[in-house]
Amino acid sequence: MPHLLRFSRDVESRLEYLAQQTGMSKAELIERCVAFGLESLEAPLLLEGAPRRPADDAPTLDQVLRESGLGA
């Protein structure tokens, strides 16, 4: 997986912890988080007539991680 972005120390340490606890690689965890986030963003758009949420109302990465059960 190419290195696309740098994470804050907090996110990096959380990924390390989750990798140790789950036995998954950091790349796998990141891919799951991105897939979950994409599904969450696409679902309302795929429903016919679904209202679009303003960008300011979009969940943060921490919220997505907590809701997915991957967050601390």
N, C-alpha and C. Protein backbone atom coordinates (compact mmCIF):
# COMPACT_ATOMS: atom_id res chain seq x y z
N MET A 1 0.85 -1.17 0.00
CA MET A 1 0.00 0.00 0.00
C MET A 1 0.89 1.23 0.00
N PRO A 2 0.69 2.16 -0.93
CA PRO A 2 1.53 3.35 -0.97
C PRO A 2 1.24 4.24 0.22
N HIS A 3 2.25 4.97 0.64
CA HIS A 3 2.10 5.89 1.76
C HIS A 3 1.46 7.17 1.23
N LEU A 4 0.19 7.38 1.53
CA LEU A 4 -0.54 8.51 0.98
C LEU A 4 -0.61 9.70 1.92
N LEU A 5 -0.64 9.46 3.22
CA LEU A 5 -0.73 10.55 4.16
C LEU A 5 -0.09 10.19 5.47
N ARG A 6 0.20 11.22 6.22
CA ARG A 6 0.80 11.01 7.53
C ARG A 6 -0.28 11.22 8.58
N PHE A 7 -0.27 10.36 9.58
CA PHE A 7 -1.24 10.45 10.65
C PHE A 7 -0.62 11.17 11.84
N SER A 8 -1.47 11.75 12.67
CA SER A 8 -0.99 12.37 13.89
C SER A 8 -0.42 11.27 14.80
N ARG A 9 0.34 11.66 15.78
CA ARG A 9 0.91 10.68 16.71
C ARG A 9 -0.19 9.89 17.41
N ASP A 10 -1.27 10.58 17.75
CA ASP A 10 -2.39 9.93 18.44
C ASP A 10 -2.99 8.83 17.56
N VAL A 11 -3.29 9.16 16.31
CA VAL A 11 -3.88 8.18 15.40
C VAL A 11 -2.91 7.05 15.15
N GLU A 12 -1.64 7.38 14.96
CA GLU A 12 -0.63 6.35 14.72
C GLU A 12 -0.52 5.40 15.91
N SER A 13 -0.54 5.94 17.13
CA SER A 13 -0.45 5.06 18.31
C SER A 13 -1.71 4.22 18.46
N ARG A 14 -2.86 4.78 18.12
CA ARG A 14 -4.10 4.01 18.17
C ARG A 14 -4.08 2.87 17.16
N LEU A 15 -3.56 3.15 15.96
CA LEU A 15 -3.44 2.10 14.95
C LEU A 15 -2.49 1.00 15.41
N GLU A 16 -1.36 1.39 16.02
CA GLU A 16 -0.41 0.41 16.54
C GLU A 16 -1.08 -0.48 17.59
N TYR A 17 -1.81 0.16 18.50
CA TYR A 17 -2.50 -0.59 19.56
C TYR A 17 -3.52 -1.56 18.97
N LEU A 18 -4.33 -1.08 18.04
CA LEU A 18 -5.34 -1.93 17.41
C LEU A 18 -4.69 -3.08 16.63
N ALA A 19 -3.58 -2.79 15.97
CA ALA A 19 -2.88 -3.83 15.22
C ALA A 19 -2.40 -4.93 16.17
N GLN A 20 -1.88 -4.53 17.33
CA GLN A 20 -1.42 -5.51 18.31
C GLN A 20 -2.59 -6.30 18.89
N GLN A 21 -3.70 -5.63 19.18
CA GLN A 21 -4.84 -6.28 19.80
C GLN A 21 -5.60 -7.20 18.85
N THR A 22 -5.66 -6.83 17.58
CA THR A 22 -6.46 -7.59 16.62
C THR A 22 -5.64 -8.58 15.79
N GLY A 23 -4.33 -8.36 15.73
CA GLY A 23 -3.50 -9.20 14.88
C GLY A 23 -3.56 -8.79 13.41
N MET A 24 -4.26 -7.71 13.13
CA MET A 24 -4.34 -7.20 11.76
C MET A 24 -3.20 -6.22 11.54
N SER A 25 -2.83 -6.03 10.29
CA SER A 25 -1.80 -5.03 9.99
C SER A 25 -2.44 -3.65 10.00
N LYS A 26 -1.59 -2.63 10.14
CA LYS A 26 -2.11 -1.26 10.10
C LYS A 26 -2.77 -0.99 8.75
N ALA A 27 -2.20 -1.52 7.68
CA ALA A 27 -2.77 -1.32 6.35
C ALA A 27 -4.19 -1.90 6.27
N GLU A 28 -4.38 -3.09 6.85
CA GLU A 28 -5.72 -3.70 6.86
C GLU A 28 -6.70 -2.83 7.66
N LEU A 29 -6.26 -2.34 8.81
CA LEU A 29 -7.13 -1.50 9.63
C LEU A 29 -7.51 -0.22 8.90
N ILE A 30 -6.54 0.40 8.24
CA ILE A 30 -6.80 1.63 7.49
C ILE A 30 -7.77 1.35 6.35
N GLU A 31 -7.56 0.24 5.64
CA GLU A 31 -8.47 -0.11 4.54
C GLU A 31 -9.89 -0.33 5.04
N ARG A 32 -10.04 -0.98 6.19
CA ARG A 32 -11.37 -1.20 6.75
C ARG A 32 -12.02 0.12 7.15
N CYS A 33 -11.24 1.01 7.74
CA CYS A 33 -11.77 2.32 8.13
C CYS A 33 -12.23 3.11 6.91
N VAL A 34 -11.41 3.10 5.87
CA VAL A 34 -11.76 3.82 4.64
C VAL A 34 -13.00 3.20 4.01
N ALA A 35 -13.06 1.87 3.94
CA ALA A 35 -14.23 1.20 3.36
C ALA A 35 -15.49 1.52 4.15
N PHE A 36 -15.38 1.48 5.48
CA PHE A 36 -16.53 1.81 6.33
C PHE A 36 -16.97 3.25 6.10
N GLY A 37 -16.00 4.15 6.03
CA GLY A 37 -16.32 5.56 5.80
C GLY A 37 -16.97 5.79 4.45
N LEU A 38 -16.45 5.13 3.43
CA LEU A 38 -17.04 5.27 2.09
C LEU A 38 -18.47 4.76 2.06
N GLU A 39 -18.69 3.60 2.70
CA GLU A 39 -20.04 3.05 2.74
C GLU A 39 -20.98 4.00 3.46
N SER A 40 -20.51 4.58 4.54
CA SER A 40 -21.34 5.51 5.31
C SER A 40 -21.66 6.76 4.50
N LEU A 41 -20.71 7.21 3.70
CA LEU A 41 -20.94 8.41 2.89
C LEU A 41 -21.80 8.11 1.67
N GLU A 42 -21.62 6.92 1.09
CA GLU A 42 -22.35 6.58 -0.13
C GLU A 42 -23.80 6.20 0.13
N ALA A 43 -24.07 5.56 1.24
CA ALA A 43 -25.41 5.04 1.52
C ALA A 43 -26.50 6.10 1.34
N PRO A 44 -26.39 7.27 1.96
CA PRO A 44 -27.46 8.25 1.79
C PRO A 44 -27.55 8.77 0.36
N LEU A 45 -26.42 8.80 -0.35
CA LEU A 45 -26.43 9.31 -1.72
C LEU A 45 -27.08 8.33 -2.68
N LEU A 46 -27.02 7.05 -2.34
CA LEU A 46 -27.59 6.03 -3.22
C LEU A 46 -29.11 5.91 -3.06
N LEU A 47 -29.62 6.37 -1.93
CA LEU A 47 -31.06 6.33 -1.73
C LEU A 47 -31.70 7.45 -2.53
N GLU A 48 -32.71 7.11 -3.27
CA GLU A 48 -33.36 8.10 -4.12
C GLU A 48 -33.97 9.20 -3.28
N GLY A 49 -33.62 10.43 -3.61
CA GLY A 49 -34.17 11.59 -2.91
C GLY A 49 -33.57 11.84 -1.53
N ALA A 50 -32.48 11.17 -1.22
CA ALA A 50 -31.87 11.37 0.10
C ALA A 50 -31.26 12.75 0.18
N PRO A 51 -31.55 13.47 1.25
CA PRO A 51 -30.95 14.79 1.40
C PRO A 51 -29.45 14.67 1.66
N ARG A 52 -28.70 15.58 1.13
CA ARG A 52 -27.25 15.56 1.35
C ARG A 52 -26.93 16.31 2.63
N ARG A 53 -25.98 15.74 3.36
CA ARG A 53 -25.55 16.37 4.59
C ARG A 53 -24.50 17.42 4.27
N PRO A 54 -24.54 18.56 4.96
CA PRO A 54 -23.48 19.54 4.75
C PRO A 54 -22.13 18.98 5.20
N ALA A 55 -21.06 19.43 4.58
CA ALA A 55 -19.72 18.92 4.89
C ALA A 55 -19.37 19.13 6.35
N ASP A 56 -19.85 20.22 6.95
CA ASP A 56 -19.55 20.50 8.36
C ASP A 56 -20.18 19.47 9.28
N ASP A 57 -21.19 18.78 8.81
CA ASP A 57 -21.91 17.80 9.61
C ASP A 57 -21.35 16.39 9.45
N ALA A 58 -20.35 16.24 8.59
CA ALA A 58 -19.77 14.92 8.32
C ALA A 58 -19.04 14.41 9.56
N PRO A 59 -19.09 13.09 9.81
CA PRO A 59 -18.42 12.55 10.99
C PRO A 59 -16.90 12.65 10.85
N THR A 60 -16.24 12.82 11.98
CA THR A 60 -14.78 12.86 12.00
C THR A 60 -14.25 11.43 11.95
N LEU A 61 -12.96 11.29 11.68
CA LEU A 61 -12.33 9.97 11.65
C LEU A 61 -12.48 9.28 13.00
N ASP A 62 -12.33 10.04 14.09
CA ASP A 62 -12.49 9.47 15.42
C ASP A 62 -13.90 8.91 15.62
N GLN A 63 -14.92 9.63 15.14
CA GLN A 63 -16.30 9.15 15.26
C GLN A 63 -16.48 7.86 14.47
N VAL A 64 -15.94 7.82 13.26
CA VAL A 64 -16.06 6.63 12.42
C VAL A 64 -15.38 5.45 13.09
N LEU A 65 -14.18 5.68 13.66
CA LEU A 65 -13.48 4.59 14.35
C LEU A 65 -14.27 4.10 15.55
N ARG A 66 -14.82 5.03 16.34
CA ARG A 66 -15.61 4.62 17.52
C ARG A 66 -16.85 3.82 17.11
N GLU A 67 -17.54 4.30 16.08
CA GLU A 67 -18.76 3.62 15.64
C GLU A 67 -18.46 2.26 15.04
N SER A 68 -17.28 2.09 14.46
CA SER A 68 -16.93 0.81 13.86
C SER A 68 -16.41 -0.18 14.88
N GLY A 69 -16.18 0.30 16.10
CA GLY A 69 -15.64 -0.56 17.14
C GLY A 69 -14.13 -0.62 17.12
N LEU A 70 -13.49 0.12 16.24
CA LEU A 70 -12.04 0.12 16.16
C LEU A 70 -11.40 1.22 17.00
N GLY A 71 -12.19 2.18 17.43
CA GLY A 71 -11.66 3.31 18.18
C GLY A 71 -11.44 2.99 19.65
N ALA A 72 -10.63 3.83 20.26
CA ALA A 72 -10.35 3.65 21.69
C ALA A 72 -11.29 4.52 22.51
